[in-house]
C-alpha cells in the first residue's frame, strides 16, 4: 500500500492497493484432434499393389495398415483416456475388440455372396478390419500403433509368419517391390482369374479363415454368406485374444484388477 503525498500539513491519505486479479477457470486440457478419416476398407492403391504382387499381399496390407490406421488408433486411445480418466488398458482393449468384431461380422454379411471377386473383397476387408483392431488394442495398452514394428506384429499375430525375423524380412521385400512398382498385374487378362484366386487364398490365410484353398476353389453363393458372418467373427475373436496377450505384456497401461 502507498500513501499520497501530503499537502498543506495534512496527514497522508492511504491509497488502497489495486484489487487482486481474480483467477479465471482453469485452462481446459489440450483438445484431442478429431479422428482421422481412416478408410473402412483397403484403399484402391493397396488393392492394386496386392493384385500386382499377390505373393506378398499380407505384407503390403500390414505396411499400409500401420500408415493409414495407426494415427487413428493413437488418437482414439488419447481421446478415450481424456474422456474416461483412470480407464485401464484392459477396458480400452475390450471396447476396441467389441467394436471391430462387430465390424468384421457386418463386412462379411455385405460382401459375401458375389462369387470369387466378392469373396476376395470379403477376406481383404476382413484382414483390414482385423489389422485396425490390432492397432487399437496396441494403443489401448500404451504401445505405439504408428511404429513400424506393428507391421511385424500384425503378420505374426495373424499367423502369416511364425516369427518376427521372417516377418521383417518379408516386409522388407514387399517394401522394396512397392518402391520399384510391381508389374505382375499388367499380364494378360486370361491370368486375372489365377491372380484373384491366389490373392484370395493369401488374404484368407492372413484373416484366419480355415480351409482357405477349399473355400476359394469352390465358391458357393450361400456358403460365402456363412463365411462372411460366422467365420469372420470367430477368426477376429481369436486374433483379439492373441493381441491382448501380446500387448498386455508390452504396454505401460495398468491392467484391470483381478476379480474374486
Foldseek 3Di string as FASTA:
>chain_A
DDWDDDDPPDDTDDDDDPDDDDDDDDDDPDDQDPADPQDLADDPVLVVLCLLPVVLSLLSLLQVLLVRQLVRLLSVLVVVCVVPPPDFLVVQLVVLLVVLLVVQQVLLLVQQQDALVSLLRNLRSLLSSLLNSLSNSLSSQAHRSNDPCSSLVLCCLLVVDVDSVVSVVSSVVSVVCVVVPRDRNVDDPVCSLVSSLSNSLSSCSSLVPPPSNVCNVDPDRVVSSVCRRPVSSVSSVSSSVVSNVVSNVVGPTDHDDDDD
